[in-house]
């Protein structure tokens, strides 16, 4: 999903076999990671056939190879059991701050790029 006019991007990747959902913060061209200082990334997810929206907190991913750690990472993830076996969902990112700019209530609609 685009944030601003090619300012930055958030990419969501779903592992439908496990329900694993990963968000990557990227630059406007989606070529380089952009590290975020926020402690988590809150999403509200709506799945067809499921009546109530689901609240999900994606947690920061530490990577010793890149030096990324909680509070300084471009990757956030969580396992969302309700997404297991799914390919379609939509939702909203509550708030994301990157490169000095804050974006609130960012909508997304996913047929996700599915791995596995």
N, C-alpha and C. Protein backbone atom coordinates (compact mmCIF):
# COMPACT_ATOMS: atom_id res chain seq x y z
N UNK A 1 0.85 -1.18 0.00
CA UNK A 1 0.00 0.00 0.00
C UNK A 1 0.89 1.23 0.00
N UNK A 2 0.48 2.21 -0.76
CA UNK A 2 1.26 3.43 -0.91
C UNK A 2 0.92 4.38 0.24
N UNK A 3 1.95 5.01 0.78
CA UNK A 3 1.79 6.02 1.82
C UNK A 3 2.24 7.35 1.23
N UNK A 4 1.30 8.26 1.06
CA UNK A 4 1.63 9.53 0.41
C UNK A 4 1.87 9.29 -1.08
N UNK A 5 2.25 10.33 -1.76
CA UNK A 5 2.54 10.24 -3.19
C UNK A 5 3.93 9.66 -3.38
N UNK A 6 4.03 8.33 -3.43
CA UNK A 6 5.30 7.61 -3.57
C UNK A 6 6.31 7.98 -2.48
N UNK A 7 5.79 8.38 -1.32
CA UNK A 7 6.66 8.72 -0.19
C UNK A 7 7.24 7.46 0.44
N UNK A 8 6.39 6.46 0.64
CA UNK A 8 6.81 5.19 1.23
C UNK A 8 5.75 4.15 0.91
N UNK A 9 6.06 2.90 1.24
CA UNK A 9 5.14 1.80 0.98
C UNK A 9 5.13 0.85 2.18
N UNK A 10 4.00 0.22 2.39
CA UNK A 10 3.90 -0.91 3.31
C UNK A 10 3.50 -2.11 2.48
N UNK A 11 4.23 -3.19 2.61
CA UNK A 11 3.89 -4.41 1.89
C UNK A 11 3.47 -5.45 2.90
N UNK A 12 2.32 -6.07 2.66
CA UNK A 12 1.83 -7.14 3.51
C UNK A 12 2.01 -8.47 2.78
N UNK A 13 2.59 -9.44 3.47
CA UNK A 13 2.80 -10.77 2.89
C UNK A 13 2.16 -11.78 3.83
N UNK A 14 1.31 -12.62 3.26
CA UNK A 14 0.59 -13.63 4.03
C UNK A 14 1.14 -15.01 3.74
N UNK A 15 1.41 -15.76 4.79
CA UNK A 15 1.68 -17.20 4.66
C UNK A 15 0.35 -17.87 5.00
N UNK A 16 -0.41 -18.23 3.99
CA UNK A 16 -1.76 -18.74 4.24
C UNK A 16 -1.75 -20.11 4.92
N UNK A 17 -0.63 -20.82 4.84
CA UNK A 17 -0.56 -22.13 5.49
C UNK A 17 -0.56 -22.00 7.01
N UNK A 18 0.06 -20.94 7.52
CA UNK A 18 0.18 -20.76 8.97
C UNK A 18 -0.64 -19.60 9.52
N UNK A 19 -1.10 -18.70 8.64
CA UNK A 19 -1.76 -17.48 9.09
C UNK A 19 -0.75 -16.40 9.46
N UNK A 20 0.51 -16.61 9.12
CA UNK A 20 1.55 -15.62 9.41
C UNK A 20 1.39 -14.41 8.51
N UNK A 21 1.39 -13.23 9.10
CA UNK A 21 1.26 -11.99 8.36
C UNK A 21 2.46 -11.12 8.68
N UNK A 22 3.15 -10.67 7.63
CA UNK A 22 4.34 -9.84 7.80
C UNK A 22 4.15 -8.54 7.05
N UNK A 23 4.51 -7.43 7.70
CA UNK A 23 4.50 -6.11 7.07
C UNK A 23 5.93 -5.63 6.92
N UNK A 24 6.23 -5.12 5.74
CA UNK A 24 7.54 -4.54 5.45
C UNK A 24 7.36 -3.07 5.14
N UNK A 25 8.12 -2.20 5.81
CA UNK A 25 8.13 -0.77 5.51
C UNK A 25 9.24 -0.53 4.49
N UNK A 26 8.87 0.12 3.39
CA UNK A 26 9.80 0.32 2.28
C UNK A 26 9.77 1.77 1.81
N UNK A 27 10.81 2.15 1.08
CA UNK A 27 10.84 3.50 0.51
C UNK A 27 9.78 3.61 -0.58
N UNK A 28 9.64 4.78 -1.17
CA UNK A 28 8.59 5.04 -2.15
C UNK A 28 8.64 4.17 -3.39
N UNK A 29 9.83 3.68 -3.73
CA UNK A 29 9.98 2.82 -4.90
C UNK A 29 9.92 1.34 -4.52
N UNK A 30 9.70 1.05 -3.24
CA UNK A 30 9.64 -0.32 -2.72
C UNK A 30 10.93 -1.08 -2.99
N UNK A 31 12.06 -0.38 -2.88
CA UNK A 31 13.36 -1.00 -3.12
C UNK A 31 14.20 -1.16 -1.86
N UNK A 32 14.05 -0.25 -0.91
CA UNK A 32 14.89 -0.28 0.29
C UNK A 32 14.02 -0.26 1.55
N UNK A 33 14.44 -1.02 2.56
CA UNK A 33 13.69 -1.00 3.82
C UNK A 33 13.81 0.35 4.51
N UNK A 34 12.76 0.71 5.23
CA UNK A 34 12.73 1.93 6.03
C UNK A 34 12.45 1.51 7.46
N UNK A 35 13.38 1.80 8.35
CA UNK A 35 13.22 1.39 9.76
C UNK A 35 12.25 2.31 10.48
N UNK A 36 11.42 1.69 11.33
CA UNK A 36 10.43 2.40 12.12
C UNK A 36 10.80 2.31 13.60
N UNK A 37 10.43 3.32 14.35
CA UNK A 37 10.72 3.31 15.79
C UNK A 37 9.54 2.86 16.63
N UNK A 38 8.38 2.66 16.00
CA UNK A 38 7.20 2.31 16.79
C UNK A 38 7.32 0.90 17.36
N UNK A 39 6.73 0.67 18.54
CA UNK A 39 6.87 -0.62 19.21
C UNK A 39 6.04 -1.75 18.60
N UNK A 40 5.02 -1.43 17.83
CA UNK A 40 4.17 -2.44 17.19
C UNK A 40 3.39 -1.74 16.08
N UNK A 41 2.71 -2.53 15.26
CA UNK A 41 1.87 -1.97 14.20
C UNK A 41 0.48 -2.58 14.36
N UNK A 42 -0.48 -1.75 14.73
CA UNK A 42 -1.84 -2.20 14.98
C UNK A 42 -2.66 -2.22 13.70
N UNK A 43 -3.33 -3.35 13.45
CA UNK A 43 -4.20 -3.50 12.30
C UNK A 43 -5.59 -3.91 12.76
N UNK A 44 -6.58 -3.53 12.00
CA UNK A 44 -7.91 -4.08 12.14
C UNK A 44 -8.19 -4.81 10.83
N UNK A 45 -8.52 -6.09 10.92
CA UNK A 45 -8.71 -6.93 9.75
C UNK A 45 -10.15 -7.39 9.67
N UNK A 46 -10.71 -7.31 8.46
CA UNK A 46 -12.04 -7.82 8.19
C UNK A 46 -11.92 -8.93 7.16
N UNK A 47 -12.49 -10.08 7.49
CA UNK A 47 -12.42 -11.25 6.63
C UNK A 47 -13.83 -11.59 6.17
N UNK A 48 -14.01 -11.84 4.86
CA UNK A 48 -15.34 -12.30 4.43
C UNK A 48 -15.75 -13.53 5.24
N UNK A 49 -16.98 -13.67 5.52
CA UNK A 49 -17.59 -14.75 6.30
C UNK A 49 -17.35 -14.62 7.81
N UNK A 50 -16.53 -13.69 8.26
CA UNK A 50 -16.31 -13.48 9.69
C UNK A 50 -16.96 -12.15 10.05
N UNK A 51 -17.91 -12.17 10.97
CA UNK A 51 -18.70 -10.98 11.25
C UNK A 51 -17.93 -9.87 11.95
N UNK A 52 -17.17 -10.21 12.98
CA UNK A 52 -16.51 -9.18 13.77
C UNK A 52 -15.10 -8.90 13.24
N UNK A 53 -14.71 -7.63 13.16
CA UNK A 53 -13.33 -7.32 12.79
C UNK A 53 -12.35 -7.87 13.82
N UNK A 54 -11.15 -8.14 13.37
CA UNK A 54 -10.11 -8.72 14.22
C UNK A 54 -9.03 -7.66 14.45
N UNK A 55 -8.66 -7.46 15.71
CA UNK A 55 -7.56 -6.56 16.03
C UNK A 55 -6.27 -7.36 16.12
N UNK A 56 -5.24 -6.87 15.45
CA UNK A 56 -3.95 -7.57 15.39
C UNK A 56 -2.84 -6.57 15.67
N UNK A 57 -1.90 -6.95 16.51
CA UNK A 57 -0.70 -6.15 16.72
C UNK A 57 0.48 -6.89 16.12
N UNK A 58 1.00 -6.37 15.01
CA UNK A 58 2.20 -6.93 14.42
C UNK A 58 3.38 -6.48 15.28
N UNK A 59 4.22 -7.43 15.64
CA UNK A 59 5.36 -7.15 16.51
C UNK A 59 6.64 -6.94 15.69
N UNK A 60 7.55 -6.11 16.21
CA UNK A 60 8.80 -5.87 15.48
C UNK A 60 9.63 -7.14 15.37
N UNK A 61 10.32 -7.26 14.24
CA UNK A 61 11.17 -8.41 14.00
C UNK A 61 12.62 -7.96 14.09
N UNK A 62 13.37 -8.66 14.92
CA UNK A 62 14.80 -8.37 15.04
C UNK A 62 15.57 -9.21 14.04
N UNK A 63 16.60 -8.62 13.46
CA UNK A 63 17.42 -9.32 12.48
C UNK A 63 18.89 -9.00 12.74
N UNK A 64 19.63 -9.94 13.33
CA UNK A 64 21.03 -9.66 13.65
C UNK A 64 21.89 -9.42 12.41
N UNK A 65 21.47 -9.94 11.25
CA UNK A 65 22.26 -9.72 10.03
C UNK A 65 22.22 -8.28 9.57
N UNK A 66 21.07 -7.62 9.73
CA UNK A 66 20.93 -6.23 9.30
C UNK A 66 21.09 -5.25 10.45
N UNK A 67 21.12 -5.77 11.67
CA UNK A 67 21.21 -4.90 12.85
C UNK A 67 19.86 -4.35 13.28
N UNK A 68 18.78 -4.78 12.63
CA UNK A 68 17.46 -4.30 13.02
C UNK A 68 17.05 -4.93 14.34
N UNK A 69 16.40 -4.12 15.18
CA UNK A 69 15.94 -4.59 16.48
C UNK A 69 14.65 -3.87 16.81
N UNK A 70 13.96 -4.31 17.83
CA UNK A 70 12.71 -3.67 18.25
C UNK A 70 12.97 -2.18 18.47
N UNK A 71 12.12 -1.35 17.91
CA UNK A 71 12.30 0.10 17.99
C UNK A 71 13.17 0.66 16.89
N UNK A 72 13.68 -0.22 16.03
CA UNK A 72 14.52 0.20 14.89
C UNK A 72 14.50 -0.91 13.84
N UNK A 73 13.30 -1.15 13.27
CA UNK A 73 13.16 -2.24 12.31
C UNK A 73 12.17 -1.88 11.21
N UNK A 74 12.31 -2.54 10.08
CA UNK A 74 11.41 -2.32 8.95
C UNK A 74 10.41 -3.46 8.80
N UNK A 75 10.48 -4.45 9.68
CA UNK A 75 9.64 -5.64 9.54
C UNK A 75 8.85 -5.90 10.82
N UNK A 76 7.56 -6.20 10.64
CA UNK A 76 6.66 -6.50 11.75
C UNK A 76 5.85 -7.73 11.37
N UNK A 77 5.56 -8.59 12.36
CA UNK A 77 4.81 -9.80 12.01
C UNK A 77 3.99 -10.32 13.18
N UNK A 78 3.03 -11.16 12.82
CA UNK A 78 2.18 -11.86 13.80
C UNK A 78 1.58 -13.07 13.11
N UNK A 79 1.17 -14.02 13.91
CA UNK A 79 0.38 -15.14 13.40
C UNK A 79 -1.07 -14.83 13.72
N UNK A 80 -1.89 -14.86 12.69
CA UNK A 80 -3.32 -14.56 12.83
C UNK A 80 -4.07 -15.83 12.43
N UNK A 81 -4.46 -16.64 13.42
CA UNK A 81 -5.09 -17.92 13.10
C UNK A 81 -6.27 -17.81 12.14
N UNK A 82 -7.01 -16.72 12.22
CA UNK A 82 -8.18 -16.53 11.35
C UNK A 82 -7.80 -16.37 9.88
N UNK A 83 -6.52 -16.06 9.59
CA UNK A 83 -6.07 -15.92 8.20
C UNK A 83 -5.56 -17.22 7.61
N UNK A 84 -5.47 -18.25 8.42
CA UNK A 84 -5.00 -19.54 7.94
C UNK A 84 -5.94 -20.05 6.83
N UNK A 85 -5.36 -20.36 5.68
CA UNK A 85 -6.12 -20.85 4.56
C UNK A 85 -6.85 -19.78 3.76
N UNK A 86 -6.70 -18.52 4.14
CA UNK A 86 -7.39 -17.41 3.46
C UNK A 86 -6.49 -16.78 2.40
N UNK A 87 -7.11 -16.08 1.50
CA UNK A 87 -6.37 -15.31 0.49
C UNK A 87 -6.89 -13.88 0.37
N UNK A 88 -8.10 -13.65 0.84
CA UNK A 88 -8.72 -12.34 0.72
C UNK A 88 -9.07 -11.78 2.09
N UNK A 89 -8.70 -10.54 2.32
CA UNK A 89 -9.12 -9.82 3.51
C UNK A 89 -8.86 -8.34 3.28
N UNK A 90 -9.39 -7.55 4.15
CA UNK A 90 -9.15 -6.11 4.06
C UNK A 90 -9.00 -5.57 5.47
N UNK A 91 -8.60 -4.33 5.56
CA UNK A 91 -8.43 -3.78 6.88
C UNK A 91 -7.85 -2.39 6.87
N UNK A 92 -7.35 -2.02 8.04
CA UNK A 92 -6.81 -0.68 8.25
C UNK A 92 -5.58 -0.78 9.15
N UNK A 93 -4.55 -0.05 8.80
CA UNK A 93 -3.39 0.14 9.68
C UNK A 93 -3.73 1.36 10.53
N UNK A 94 -3.73 1.19 11.85
CA UNK A 94 -4.15 2.28 12.74
C UNK A 94 -3.25 3.50 12.59
N UNK A 95 -1.96 3.30 12.70
CA UNK A 95 -1.02 4.42 12.60
C UNK A 95 0.36 3.88 12.27
N UNK A 96 1.05 4.59 11.41
CA UNK A 96 2.43 4.26 11.09
C UNK A 96 3.18 5.58 10.89
N UNK A 97 4.34 5.67 11.52
CA UNK A 97 5.18 6.86 11.39
C UNK A 97 6.51 6.43 10.80
N UNK A 98 6.85 7.03 9.68
CA UNK A 98 8.12 6.72 9.07
C UNK A 98 8.66 7.95 8.35
N UNK A 99 9.96 8.05 8.38
CA UNK A 99 10.66 9.16 7.74
C UNK A 99 10.07 10.51 8.13
N UNK A 100 9.68 10.62 9.42
CA UNK A 100 9.18 11.89 9.96
C UNK A 100 7.73 12.21 9.64
N UNK A 101 7.01 11.32 9.01
CA UNK A 101 5.63 11.57 8.64
C UNK A 101 4.73 10.48 9.23
N UNK A 102 3.56 10.89 9.72
CA UNK A 102 2.61 9.97 10.33
C UNK A 102 1.41 9.79 9.42
N UNK A 103 1.01 8.53 9.26
CA UNK A 103 -0.17 8.19 8.47
C UNK A 103 -1.12 7.43 9.40
N UNK A 104 -2.40 7.82 9.39
CA UNK A 104 -3.39 7.20 10.26
C UNK A 104 -4.52 6.59 9.46
N UNK A 105 -5.07 5.49 9.98
CA UNK A 105 -6.21 4.80 9.37
C UNK A 105 -5.97 4.55 7.88
N UNK A 106 -4.87 3.86 7.59
CA UNK A 106 -4.50 3.55 6.21
C UNK A 106 -5.23 2.27 5.80
N UNK A 107 -6.14 2.36 4.82
CA UNK A 107 -6.89 1.18 4.40
C UNK A 107 -6.07 0.28 3.49
N UNK A 108 -6.38 -1.01 3.54
CA UNK A 108 -5.78 -1.95 2.59
C UNK A 108 -6.81 -2.99 2.21
N UNK A 109 -6.62 -3.53 1.03
CA UNK A 109 -7.51 -4.56 0.50
C UNK A 109 -6.60 -5.62 -0.09
N UNK A 110 -6.64 -6.82 0.44
CA UNK A 110 -5.65 -7.81 0.08
C UNK A 110 -6.23 -9.00 -0.63
N UNK A 111 -5.93 -9.15 -1.91
CA UNK A 111 -5.46 -10.44 -2.30
C UNK A 111 -3.96 -10.28 -2.08
N UNK A 112 -3.46 -10.87 -1.03
CA UNK A 112 -2.06 -10.71 -0.64
C UNK A 112 -1.14 -11.46 -1.60
N UNK A 113 0.12 -11.02 -1.65
CA UNK A 113 1.13 -11.83 -2.31
C UNK A 113 1.35 -12.99 -1.37
N UNK A 114 0.91 -14.14 -1.77
CA UNK A 114 0.89 -15.30 -0.87
C UNK A 114 2.13 -16.15 -1.09
N UNK A 115 2.79 -16.52 0.00
CA UNK A 115 3.92 -17.44 -0.07
C UNK A 115 3.45 -18.81 0.37
N UNK A 116 4.13 -19.84 -0.10
CA UNK A 116 3.87 -21.25 0.21
C UNK A 116 2.68 -21.76 -0.51
